[in-house]
ModelCIF file with pLDDT and N, C-alpha, C, O atoms, coordinates in Angstrom:
data_MODEL
#
_entry.id   MODEL 
#
_entity.id                         1 
_entity.type                       polymer 
_entity.pdbx_number_of_molecules   1 
#
_entity_poly.entity_id                      1 
_entity_poly.type                           'polypeptide(L)' 
_entity_poly.nstd_linkage                   no 
_entity_poly.nstd_monomer                   no 
_entity_poly.pdbx_seq_one_letter_code       ELYGGNKVRKLEYVLCRARDRGARRVATFGTVGSNHALATALFARTL 
_entity_poly.pdbx_seq_one_letter_code_can   ELYGGNKVRKLEYVLCRARDRGARRVATFGTVGSNHALATALFARTL 
_entity_poly.pdbx_strand_id                 A 
#
loop_
_entity_poly_seq.entity_id 
_entity_poly_seq.num 
_entity_poly_seq.mon_id 
_entity_poly_seq.hetero 
1 1  GLU n 
1 2  LEU n 
1 3  TYR n 
1 4  GLY n 
1 5  GLY n 
1 6  ASN n 
1 7  LYS n 
1 8  VAL n 
1 9  ARG n 
1 10 LYS n 
1 11 LEU n 
1 12 GLU n 
1 13 TYR n 
1 14 VAL n 
1 15 LEU n 
1 16 CYS n 
1 17 ARG n 
1 18 ALA n 
1 19 ARG n 
1 20 ASP n 
1 21 ARG n 
1 22 GLY n 
1 23 ALA n 
1 24 ARG n 
1 25 ARG n 
1 26 VAL n 
1 27 ALA n 
1 28 THR n 
1 29 PHE n 
1 30 GLY n 
1 31 THR n 
1 32 VAL n 
1 33 GLY n 
1 34 SER n 
1 35 ASN n 
1 36 HIS n 
1 37 ALA n 
1 38 LEU n 
1 39 ALA n 
1 40 THR n 
1 41 ALA n 
1 42 LEU n 
1 43 PHE n 
1 44 ALA n 
1 45 ARG n 
1 46 THR n 
1 47 LEU n 
#
_struct_asym.id          A 
_struct_asym.entity_id   1 
#
loop_
_ma_qa_metric.id 
_ma_qa_metric.mode 
_ma_qa_metric.name 
_ma_qa_metric.software_group_id 
_ma_qa_metric.type 
1 global pLDDT . pLDDT 
2 local  pLDDT . pLDDT 
#
_ma_qa_metric_global.metric_id      1 
_ma_qa_metric_global.metric_value   97.49 
_ma_qa_metric_global.model_id       1 
_ma_qa_metric_global.ordinal_id     1 
#
loop_
_ma_qa_metric_local.label_asym_id 
_ma_qa_metric_local.label_comp_id 
_ma_qa_metric_local.label_seq_id 
_ma_qa_metric_local.metric_id 
_ma_qa_metric_local.metric_value 
_ma_qa_metric_local.model_id 
_ma_qa_metric_local.ordinal_id 
A GLU 1  2 97.00 1 1  
A LEU 2  2 97.00 1 2  
A TYR 3  2 98.00 1 3  
A GLY 4  2 98.00 1 4  
A GLY 5  2 97.00 1 5  
A ASN 6  2 97.00 1 6  
A LYS 7  2 97.00 1 7  
A VAL 8  2 98.00 1 8  
A ARG 9  2 98.00 1 9  
A LYS 10 2 98.00 1 10 
A LEU 11 2 98.00 1 11 
A GLU 12 2 98.00 1 12 
A TYR 13 2 98.00 1 13 
A VAL 14 2 98.00 1 14 
A LEU 15 2 98.00 1 15 
A CYS 16 2 98.00 1 16 
A ARG 17 2 98.00 1 17 
A ALA 18 2 98.00 1 18 
A ARG 19 2 97.00 1 19 
A ASP 20 2 97.00 1 20 
A ARG 21 2 97.00 1 21 
A GLY 22 2 98.00 1 22 
A ALA 23 2 98.00 1 23 
A ARG 24 2 98.00 1 24 
A ARG 25 2 98.00 1 25 
A VAL 26 2 98.00 1 26 
A ALA 27 2 98.00 1 27 
A THR 28 2 98.00 1 28 
A PHE 29 2 97.00 1 29 
A GLY 30 2 96.00 1 30 
A THR 31 2 96.00 1 31 
A VAL 32 2 97.00 1 32 
A GLY 33 2 95.00 1 33 
A SER 34 2 95.00 1 34 
A ASN 35 2 95.00 1 35 
A HIS 36 2 97.00 1 36 
A ALA 37 2 98.00 1 37 
A LEU 38 2 98.00 1 38 
A ALA 39 2 98.00 1 39 
A THR 40 2 98.00 1 40 
A ALA 41 2 98.00 1 41 
A LEU 42 2 98.00 1 42 
A PHE 43 2 98.00 1 43 
A ALA 44 2 98.00 1 44 
A ARG 45 2 98.00 1 45 
A THR 46 2 98.00 1 46 
A LEU 47 2 98.00 1 47 
#
loop_
_atom_site.group_PDB 
_atom_site.id 
_atom_site.type_symbol 
_atom_site.label_atom_id 
_atom_site.label_alt_id 
_atom_site.label_comp_id 
_atom_site.label_asym_id 
_atom_site.label_entity_id 
_atom_site.label_seq_id 
_atom_site.pdbx_PDB_ins_code 
_atom_site.Cartn_x 
_atom_site.Cartn_y 
_atom_site.Cartn_z 
_atom_site.occupancy 
_atom_site.B_iso_or_equiv 
_atom_site.pdbx_formal_charge 
_atom_site.auth_seq_id 
_atom_site.auth_comp_id 
_atom_site.auth_asym_id 
_atom_site.auth_atom_id 
_atom_site.pdbx_PDB_model_num 
ATOM 1   N N  . GLU A 1 1  ? 18.217 128.848 60.815 1.00 97.00 ? 1  GLU A N  1 
ATOM 2   C CA . GLU A 1 1  ? 17.032 129.051 61.514 1.00 97.00 ? 1  GLU A CA 1 
ATOM 3   C C  . GLU A 1 1  ? 17.049 129.113 62.648 1.00 97.00 ? 1  GLU A C  1 
ATOM 4   O O  . GLU A 1 1  ? 16.439 130.051 63.162 1.00 97.00 ? 1  GLU A O  1 
ATOM 5   N N  . LEU A 1 2  ? 17.598 128.355 63.322 1.00 97.00 ? 2  LEU A N  1 
ATOM 6   C CA . LEU A 1 2  ? 17.618 127.165 65.059 1.00 97.00 ? 2  LEU A CA 1 
ATOM 7   C C  . LEU A 1 2  ? 18.461 128.712 65.318 1.00 97.00 ? 2  LEU A C  1 
ATOM 8   O O  . LEU A 1 2  ? 17.841 129.609 65.889 1.00 97.00 ? 2  LEU A O  1 
ATOM 9   N N  . TYR A 1 3  ? 19.947 128.951 64.843 1.00 98.00 ? 3  TYR A N  1 
ATOM 10  C CA . TYR A 1 3  ? 21.360 130.291 65.749 1.00 98.00 ? 3  TYR A CA 1 
ATOM 11  C C  . TYR A 1 3  ? 21.867 130.513 63.842 1.00 98.00 ? 3  TYR A C  1 
ATOM 12  O O  . TYR A 1 3  ? 21.651 129.594 63.053 1.00 98.00 ? 3  TYR A O  1 
ATOM 13  N N  . GLY A 1 4  ? 22.361 131.508 63.499 1.00 98.00 ? 4  GLY A N  1 
ATOM 14  C CA . GLY A 1 4  ? 23.039 131.742 62.777 1.00 98.00 ? 4  GLY A CA 1 
ATOM 15  C C  . GLY A 1 4  ? 24.486 132.244 62.749 1.00 98.00 ? 4  GLY A C  1 
ATOM 16  O O  . GLY A 1 4  ? 24.672 132.125 63.960 1.00 98.00 ? 4  GLY A O  1 
ATOM 17  N N  . GLY A 1 5  ? 25.565 132.679 62.323 1.00 97.00 ? 5  GLY A N  1 
ATOM 18  C CA . GLY A 1 5  ? 26.807 132.617 62.876 1.00 97.00 ? 5  GLY A CA 1 
ATOM 19  C C  . GLY A 1 5  ? 27.966 132.198 62.119 1.00 97.00 ? 5  GLY A C  1 
ATOM 20  O O  . GLY A 1 5  ? 27.477 131.799 61.062 1.00 97.00 ? 5  GLY A O  1 
ATOM 21  N N  . ASN A 1 6  ? 29.196 132.063 62.052 1.00 97.00 ? 6  ASN A N  1 
ATOM 22  C CA . ASN A 1 6  ? 29.923 131.282 61.418 1.00 97.00 ? 6  ASN A CA 1 
ATOM 23  C C  . ASN A 1 6  ? 29.901 130.234 61.804 1.00 97.00 ? 6  ASN A C  1 
ATOM 24  O O  . ASN A 1 6  ? 30.024 129.402 60.905 1.00 97.00 ? 6  ASN A O  1 
ATOM 25  N N  . LYS A 1 7  ? 29.746 129.652 63.242 1.00 97.00 ? 7  LYS A N  1 
ATOM 26  C CA . LYS A 1 7  ? 30.475 128.932 64.184 1.00 97.00 ? 7  LYS A CA 1 
ATOM 27  C C  . LYS A 1 7  ? 28.698 127.218 62.953 1.00 97.00 ? 7  LYS A C  1 
ATOM 28  O O  . LYS A 1 7  ? 28.080 126.188 63.226 1.00 97.00 ? 7  LYS A O  1 
ATOM 29  N N  . VAL A 1 8  ? 28.756 127.536 62.570 1.00 98.00 ? 8  VAL A N  1 
ATOM 30  C CA . VAL A 1 8  ? 27.149 126.371 62.181 1.00 98.00 ? 8  VAL A CA 1 
ATOM 31  C C  . VAL A 1 8  ? 28.064 126.269 60.685 1.00 98.00 ? 8  VAL A C  1 
ATOM 32  O O  . VAL A 1 8  ? 28.805 125.342 61.010 1.00 98.00 ? 8  VAL A O  1 
ATOM 33  N N  . ARG A 1 9  ? 28.385 126.542 59.599 1.00 98.00 ? 9  ARG A N  1 
ATOM 34  C CA . ARG A 1 9  ? 29.289 125.822 58.479 1.00 98.00 ? 9  ARG A CA 1 
ATOM 35  C C  . ARG A 1 9  ? 30.821 124.761 59.281 1.00 98.00 ? 9  ARG A C  1 
ATOM 36  O O  . ARG A 1 9  ? 31.364 124.005 58.474 1.00 98.00 ? 9  ARG A O  1 
ATOM 37  N N  . LYS A 1 10 ? 31.368 124.760 60.655 1.00 98.00 ? 10 LYS A N  1 
ATOM 38  C CA . LYS A 1 10 ? 32.836 124.666 60.511 1.00 98.00 ? 10 LYS A CA 1 
ATOM 39  C C  . LYS A 1 10 ? 31.571 123.650 61.680 1.00 98.00 ? 10 LYS A C  1 
ATOM 40  O O  . LYS A 1 10 ? 32.365 122.763 61.994 1.00 98.00 ? 10 LYS A O  1 
ATOM 41  N N  . LEU A 1 11 ? 30.738 123.409 62.155 1.00 98.00 ? 11 LEU A N  1 
ATOM 42  C CA . LEU A 1 11 ? 29.905 122.208 63.112 1.00 98.00 ? 11 LEU A CA 1 
ATOM 43  C C  . LEU A 1 11 ? 29.417 121.771 62.096 1.00 98.00 ? 11 LEU A C  1 
ATOM 44  O O  . LEU A 1 11 ? 28.636 121.000 62.654 1.00 98.00 ? 11 LEU A O  1 
ATOM 45  N N  . GLU A 1 12 ? 29.189 121.593 60.838 1.00 98.00 ? 12 GLU A N  1 
ATOM 46  C CA . GLU A 1 12 ? 28.707 120.822 59.550 1.00 98.00 ? 12 GLU A CA 1 
ATOM 47  C C  . GLU A 1 12 ? 29.168 119.394 59.370 1.00 98.00 ? 12 GLU A C  1 
ATOM 48  O O  . GLU A 1 12 ? 28.428 118.430 59.174 1.00 98.00 ? 12 GLU A O  1 
ATOM 49  N N  . TYR A 1 13 ? 30.750 119.378 59.481 1.00 98.00 ? 13 TYR A N  1 
ATOM 50  C CA . TYR A 1 13 ? 32.091 118.285 59.216 1.00 98.00 ? 13 TYR A CA 1 
ATOM 51  C C  . TYR A 1 13 ? 32.226 118.038 60.649 1.00 98.00 ? 13 TYR A C  1 
ATOM 52  O O  . TYR A 1 13 ? 32.752 116.932 60.778 1.00 98.00 ? 13 TYR A O  1 
ATOM 53  N N  . VAL A 1 14 ? 31.962 118.624 61.892 1.00 98.00 ? 14 VAL A N  1 
ATOM 54  C CA . VAL A 1 14 ? 33.080 118.774 62.906 1.00 98.00 ? 14 VAL A CA 1 
ATOM 55  C C  . VAL A 1 14 ? 31.561 117.274 63.378 1.00 98.00 ? 14 VAL A C  1 
ATOM 56  O O  . VAL A 1 14 ? 31.710 116.068 63.186 1.00 98.00 ? 14 VAL A O  1 
ATOM 57  N N  . LEU A 1 15 ? 30.589 117.792 63.838 1.00 98.00 ? 15 LEU A N  1 
ATOM 58  C CA . LEU A 1 15 ? 29.388 116.902 64.618 1.00 98.00 ? 15 LEU A CA 1 
ATOM 59  C C  . LEU A 1 15 ? 29.384 115.782 63.371 1.00 98.00 ? 15 LEU A C  1 
ATOM 60  O O  . LEU A 1 15 ? 29.199 114.569 63.471 1.00 98.00 ? 15 LEU A O  1 
ATOM 61  N N  . CYS A 1 16 ? 29.571 116.343 62.512 1.00 98.00 ? 16 CYS A N  1 
ATOM 62  C CA . CYS A 1 16 ? 29.172 114.670 61.200 1.00 98.00 ? 16 CYS A CA 1 
ATOM 63  C C  . CYS A 1 16 ? 29.736 113.772 61.776 1.00 98.00 ? 16 CYS A C  1 
ATOM 64  O O  . CYS A 1 16 ? 29.276 112.643 61.944 1.00 98.00 ? 16 CYS A O  1 
ATOM 65  N N  . ARG A 1 17 ? 30.731 114.150 62.118 1.00 98.00 ? 17 ARG A N  1 
ATOM 66  C CA . ARG A 1 17 ? 32.386 113.094 62.071 1.00 98.00 ? 17 ARG A CA 1 
ATOM 67  C C  . ARG A 1 17 ? 31.830 112.464 63.455 1.00 98.00 ? 17 ARG A C  1 
ATOM 68  O O  . ARG A 1 17 ? 31.340 111.336 63.506 1.00 98.00 ? 17 ARG A O  1 
ATOM 69  N N  . ALA A 1 18 ? 31.979 113.422 64.696 1.00 98.00 ? 18 ALA A N  1 
ATOM 70  C CA . ALA A 1 18 ? 31.532 113.110 65.824 1.00 98.00 ? 18 ALA A CA 1 
ATOM 71  C C  . ALA A 1 18 ? 30.034 111.688 65.881 1.00 98.00 ? 18 ALA A C  1 
ATOM 72  O O  . ALA A 1 18 ? 29.714 110.901 66.772 1.00 98.00 ? 18 ALA A O  1 
ATOM 73  N N  . ARG A 1 19 ? 29.506 111.921 64.569 1.00 97.00 ? 19 ARG A N  1 
ATOM 74  C CA . ARG A 1 19 ? 28.427 110.885 64.786 1.00 97.00 ? 19 ARG A CA 1 
ATOM 75  C C  . ARG A 1 19 ? 28.609 109.616 64.580 1.00 97.00 ? 19 ARG A C  1 
ATOM 76  O O  . ARG A 1 19 ? 28.242 108.496 64.935 1.00 97.00 ? 19 ARG A O  1 
ATOM 77  N N  . ASP A 1 20 ? 29.561 110.388 63.627 1.00 97.00 ? 20 ASP A N  1 
ATOM 78  C CA . ASP A 1 20 ? 30.438 108.980 62.431 1.00 97.00 ? 20 ASP A CA 1 
ATOM 79  C C  . ASP A 1 20 ? 31.282 107.455 62.953 1.00 97.00 ? 20 ASP A C  1 
ATOM 80  O O  . ASP A 1 20 ? 31.382 106.256 62.694 1.00 97.00 ? 20 ASP A O  1 
ATOM 81  N N  . ARG A 1 21 ? 31.856 108.730 64.033 1.00 97.00 ? 21 ARG A N  1 
ATOM 82  C CA . ARG A 1 21 ? 32.581 108.137 65.487 1.00 97.00 ? 21 ARG A CA 1 
ATOM 83  C C  . ARG A 1 21 ? 32.560 106.908 66.722 1.00 97.00 ? 21 ARG A C  1 
ATOM 84  O O  . ARG A 1 21 ? 33.244 106.221 67.481 1.00 97.00 ? 21 ARG A O  1 
ATOM 85  N N  . GLY A 1 22 ? 30.435 107.427 65.989 1.00 98.00 ? 22 GLY A N  1 
ATOM 86  C CA . GLY A 1 22 ? 30.070 107.334 67.905 1.00 98.00 ? 22 GLY A CA 1 
ATOM 87  C C  . GLY A 1 22 ? 30.063 107.743 68.908 1.00 98.00 ? 22 GLY A C  1 
ATOM 88  O O  . GLY A 1 22 ? 30.060 107.178 70.002 1.00 98.00 ? 22 GLY A O  1 
ATOM 89  N N  . ALA A 1 23 ? 30.058 108.935 68.590 1.00 98.00 ? 23 ALA A N  1 
ATOM 90  C CA . ALA A 1 23 ? 30.148 109.401 69.570 1.00 98.00 ? 23 ALA A CA 1 
ATOM 91  C C  . ALA A 1 23 ? 28.334 109.834 70.742 1.00 98.00 ? 23 ALA A C  1 
ATOM 92  O O  . ALA A 1 23 ? 27.164 110.144 70.516 1.00 98.00 ? 23 ALA A O  1 
ATOM 93  N N  . ARG A 1 24 ? 28.861 109.676 71.446 1.00 98.00 ? 24 ARG A N  1 
ATOM 94  C CA . ARG A 1 24 ? 27.775 109.643 72.919 1.00 98.00 ? 24 ARG A CA 1 
ATOM 95  C C  . ARG A 1 24 ? 27.148 110.645 73.314 1.00 98.00 ? 24 ARG A C  1 
ATOM 96  O O  . ARG A 1 24 ? 25.938 110.755 73.514 1.00 98.00 ? 24 ARG A O  1 
ATOM 97  N N  . ARG A 1 25 ? 28.442 111.838 73.501 1.00 98.00 ? 25 ARG A N  1 
ATOM 98  C CA . ARG A 1 25 ? 28.163 113.481 73.892 1.00 98.00 ? 25 ARG A CA 1 
ATOM 99  C C  . ARG A 1 25 ? 29.211 114.339 73.185 1.00 98.00 ? 25 ARG A C  1 
ATOM 100 O O  . ARG A 1 25 ? 30.370 113.931 73.116 1.00 98.00 ? 25 ARG A O  1 
ATOM 101 N N  . VAL A 1 26 ? 28.967 115.132 72.828 1.00 98.00 ? 26 VAL A N  1 
ATOM 102 C CA . VAL A 1 26 ? 29.556 116.238 72.378 1.00 98.00 ? 26 VAL A CA 1 
ATOM 103 C C  . VAL A 1 26 ? 30.165 117.130 73.716 1.00 98.00 ? 26 VAL A C  1 
ATOM 104 O O  . VAL A 1 26 ? 29.367 117.301 74.637 1.00 98.00 ? 26 VAL A O  1 
ATOM 105 N N  . ALA A 1 27 ? 32.032 117.908 73.914 1.00 98.00 ? 27 ALA A N  1 
ATOM 106 C CA . ALA A 1 27 ? 31.955 118.429 74.570 1.00 98.00 ? 27 ALA A CA 1 
ATOM 107 C C  . ALA A 1 27 ? 33.032 119.533 74.189 1.00 98.00 ? 27 ALA A C  1 
ATOM 108 O O  . ALA A 1 27 ? 34.191 119.306 73.843 1.00 98.00 ? 27 ALA A O  1 
ATOM 109 N N  . THR A 1 28 ? 32.452 120.717 74.315 1.00 98.00 ? 28 THR A N  1 
ATOM 110 C CA . THR A 1 28 ? 33.515 122.227 73.955 1.00 98.00 ? 28 THR A CA 1 
ATOM 111 C C  . THR A 1 28 ? 34.072 122.956 74.984 1.00 98.00 ? 28 THR A C  1 
ATOM 112 O O  . THR A 1 28 ? 33.881 122.752 76.183 1.00 98.00 ? 28 THR A O  1 
ATOM 113 N N  . PHE A 1 29 ? 34.709 123.742 74.531 1.00 97.00 ? 29 PHE A N  1 
ATOM 114 C CA . PHE A 1 29 ? 35.244 125.010 74.958 1.00 97.00 ? 29 PHE A CA 1 
ATOM 115 C C  . PHE A 1 29 ? 34.701 126.067 75.107 1.00 97.00 ? 29 PHE A C  1 
ATOM 116 O O  . PHE A 1 29 ? 33.479 126.018 75.243 1.00 97.00 ? 29 PHE A O  1 
ATOM 117 N N  . GLY A 1 30 ? 35.217 127.110 75.133 1.00 96.00 ? 30 GLY A N  1 
ATOM 118 C CA . GLY A 1 30 ? 35.136 128.587 75.044 1.00 96.00 ? 30 GLY A CA 1 
ATOM 119 C C  . GLY A 1 30 ? 35.026 129.518 76.677 1.00 96.00 ? 30 GLY A C  1 
ATOM 120 O O  . GLY A 1 30 ? 35.622 129.348 77.741 1.00 96.00 ? 30 GLY A O  1 
ATOM 121 N N  . THR A 1 31 ? 33.990 130.512 76.246 1.00 96.00 ? 31 THR A N  1 
ATOM 122 C CA . THR A 1 31 ? 33.704 131.571 77.773 1.00 96.00 ? 31 THR A CA 1 
ATOM 123 C C  . THR A 1 31 ? 32.142 131.586 77.822 1.00 96.00 ? 31 THR A C  1 
ATOM 124 O O  . THR A 1 31 ? 31.281 131.292 76.993 1.00 96.00 ? 31 THR A O  1 
ATOM 125 N N  . VAL A 1 32 ? 32.102 132.073 79.198 1.00 97.00 ? 32 VAL A N  1 
ATOM 126 C CA . VAL A 1 32 ? 30.905 131.936 79.098 1.00 97.00 ? 32 VAL A CA 1 
ATOM 127 C C  . VAL A 1 32 ? 29.532 132.531 77.714 1.00 97.00 ? 32 VAL A C  1 
ATOM 128 O O  . VAL A 1 32 ? 28.728 131.715 77.263 1.00 97.00 ? 32 VAL A O  1 
ATOM 129 N N  . GLY A 1 33 ? 29.538 133.630 77.379 1.00 95.00 ? 33 GLY A N  1 
ATOM 130 C CA . GLY A 1 33 ? 29.421 133.859 76.302 1.00 95.00 ? 33 GLY A CA 1 
ATOM 131 C C  . GLY A 1 33 ? 29.535 133.455 74.989 1.00 95.00 ? 33 GLY A C  1 
ATOM 132 O O  . GLY A 1 33 ? 28.970 133.895 73.987 1.00 95.00 ? 33 GLY A O  1 
ATOM 133 N N  . SER A 1 34 ? 30.452 132.431 75.134 1.00 95.00 ? 34 SER A N  1 
ATOM 134 C CA . SER A 1 34 ? 30.346 132.208 73.912 1.00 95.00 ? 34 SER A CA 1 
ATOM 135 C C  . SER A 1 34 ? 29.619 131.561 72.427 1.00 95.00 ? 34 SER A C  1 
ATOM 136 O O  . SER A 1 34 ? 28.826 130.653 72.676 1.00 95.00 ? 34 SER A O  1 
ATOM 137 N N  . ASN A 1 35 ? 29.711 131.760 71.526 1.00 95.00 ? 35 ASN A N  1 
ATOM 138 C CA . ASN A 1 35 ? 28.462 131.707 70.446 1.00 95.00 ? 35 ASN A CA 1 
ATOM 139 C C  . ASN A 1 35 ? 29.109 131.154 69.781 1.00 95.00 ? 35 ASN A C  1 
ATOM 140 O O  . ASN A 1 35 ? 28.633 131.134 68.646 1.00 95.00 ? 35 ASN A O  1 
ATOM 141 N N  . HIS A 1 36 ? 30.845 130.182 69.943 1.00 97.00 ? 36 HIS A N  1 
ATOM 142 C CA . HIS A 1 36 ? 30.563 128.723 69.787 1.00 97.00 ? 36 HIS A CA 1 
ATOM 143 C C  . HIS A 1 36 ? 29.927 128.114 70.982 1.00 97.00 ? 36 HIS A C  1 
ATOM 144 O O  . HIS A 1 36 ? 28.743 128.444 70.911 1.00 97.00 ? 36 HIS A O  1 
ATOM 145 N N  . ALA A 1 37 ? 30.075 127.536 71.833 1.00 98.00 ? 37 ALA A N  1 
ATOM 146 C CA . ALA A 1 37 ? 29.955 126.904 72.665 1.00 98.00 ? 37 ALA A CA 1 
ATOM 147 C C  . ALA A 1 37 ? 28.925 126.821 72.820 1.00 98.00 ? 37 ALA A C  1 
ATOM 148 O O  . ALA A 1 37 ? 28.580 125.994 73.663 1.00 98.00 ? 37 ALA A O  1 
ATOM 149 N N  . LEU A 1 38 ? 27.571 127.822 71.926 1.00 98.00 ? 38 LEU A N  1 
ATOM 150 C CA . LEU A 1 38 ? 26.157 127.786 72.446 1.00 98.00 ? 38 LEU A CA 1 
ATOM 151 C C  . LEU A 1 38 ? 25.276 127.147 71.034 1.00 98.00 ? 38 LEU A C  1 
ATOM 152 O O  . LEU A 1 38 ? 24.180 126.607 70.882 1.00 98.00 ? 38 LEU A O  1 
ATOM 153 N N  . ALA A 1 39 ? 26.636 127.614 69.953 1.00 98.00 ? 39 ALA A N  1 
ATOM 154 C CA . ALA A 1 39 ? 25.898 126.589 68.965 1.00 98.00 ? 39 ALA A CA 1 
ATOM 155 C C  . ALA A 1 39 ? 26.188 125.358 69.202 1.00 98.00 ? 39 ALA A C  1 
ATOM 156 O O  . ALA A 1 39 ? 25.182 124.654 69.291 1.00 98.00 ? 39 ALA A O  1 
ATOM 157 N N  . THR A 1 40 ? 27.526 124.623 69.390 1.00 98.00 ? 40 THR A N  1 
ATOM 158 C CA . THR A 1 40 ? 27.775 123.317 69.502 1.00 98.00 ? 40 THR A CA 1 
ATOM 159 C C  . THR A 1 40 ? 26.564 122.669 70.070 1.00 98.00 ? 40 THR A C  1 
ATOM 160 O O  . THR A 1 40 ? 25.805 121.880 69.507 1.00 98.00 ? 40 THR A O  1 
ATOM 161 N N  . ALA A 1 41 ? 26.512 123.137 71.287 1.00 98.00 ? 41 ALA A N  1 
ATOM 162 C CA . ALA A 1 41 ? 25.101 122.638 72.477 1.00 98.00 ? 41 ALA A CA 1 
ATOM 163 C C  . ALA A 1 41 ? 24.050 122.523 71.240 1.00 98.00 ? 41 ALA A C  1 
ATOM 164 O O  . ALA A 1 41 ? 23.596 121.394 71.051 1.00 98.00 ? 41 ALA A O  1 
ATOM 165 N N  . LEU A 1 42 ? 23.665 123.442 70.479 1.00 98.00 ? 42 LEU A N  1 
ATOM 166 C CA . LEU A 1 42 ? 21.882 123.636 69.822 1.00 98.00 ? 42 LEU A CA 1 
ATOM 167 C C  . LEU A 1 42 ? 22.058 122.516 69.124 1.00 98.00 ? 42 LEU A C  1 
ATOM 168 O O  . LEU A 1 42 ? 21.247 121.598 69.242 1.00 98.00 ? 42 LEU A O  1 
ATOM 169 N N  . PHE A 1 43 ? 23.128 122.420 68.302 1.00 98.00 ? 43 PHE A N  1 
ATOM 170 C CA . PHE A 1 43 ? 22.818 121.703 66.887 1.00 98.00 ? 43 PHE A CA 1 
ATOM 171 C C  . PHE A 1 43 ? 23.706 120.352 67.026 1.00 98.00 ? 43 PHE A C  1 
ATOM 172 O O  . PHE A 1 43 ? 24.006 119.736 66.004 1.00 98.00 ? 43 PHE A O  1 
ATOM 173 N N  . ALA A 1 44 ? 24.075 119.952 68.161 1.00 98.00 ? 44 ALA A N  1 
ATOM 174 C CA . ALA A 1 44 ? 24.683 118.818 68.654 1.00 98.00 ? 44 ALA A CA 1 
ATOM 175 C C  . ALA A 1 44 ? 23.413 117.910 69.561 1.00 98.00 ? 44 ALA A C  1 
ATOM 176 O O  . ALA A 1 44 ? 23.338 116.682 69.589 1.00 98.00 ? 44 ALA A O  1 
ATOM 177 N N  . ARG A 1 45 ? 22.231 119.127 70.448 1.00 98.00 ? 45 ARG A N  1 
ATOM 178 C CA . ARG A 1 45 ? 21.163 118.311 70.391 1.00 98.00 ? 45 ARG A CA 1 
ATOM 179 C C  . ARG A 1 45 ? 19.923 117.947 69.289 1.00 98.00 ? 45 ARG A C  1 
ATOM 180 O O  . ARG A 1 45 ? 18.924 117.288 69.579 1.00 98.00 ? 45 ARG A O  1 
ATOM 181 N N  . THR A 1 46 ? 20.228 118.546 67.919 1.00 98.00 ? 46 THR A N  1 
ATOM 182 C CA . THR A 1 46 ? 19.335 118.258 66.707 1.00 98.00 ? 46 THR A CA 1 
ATOM 183 C C  . THR A 1 46 ? 19.841 116.665 66.164 1.00 98.00 ? 46 THR A C  1 
ATOM 184 O O  . THR A 1 46 ? 19.156 115.780 65.651 1.00 98.00 ? 46 THR A O  1 
ATOM 185 N N  . LEU A 1 47 ? 21.250 116.683 66.479 1.00 98.00 ? 47 LEU A N  1 
ATOM 186 C CA . LEU A 1 47 ? 22.022 114.943 66.080 1.00 98.00 ? 47 LEU A CA 1 
ATOM 187 C C  . LEU A 1 47 ? 21.131 113.954 67.083 1.00 98.00 ? 47 LEU A C  1 
ATOM 188 O O  . LEU A 1 47 ? 21.345 112.742 67.104 1.00 98.00 ? 47 LEU A O  1 
#
C-alpha cells in the first residue's frame, strides 16, 4: 500500500537483515529518479 513495484519483495529480506544486525541507518545507491532508492528510503523509515 505504501509503495508498489518489484523492490518491495527484495527489501523484505534485505531490511530484515539490516535490522537484525543492529544497523542504525540504511544507505543505498541509484539515480535521481530511482524507484529502488525511493522504496528503500520509504520502507526503511517504517522500521
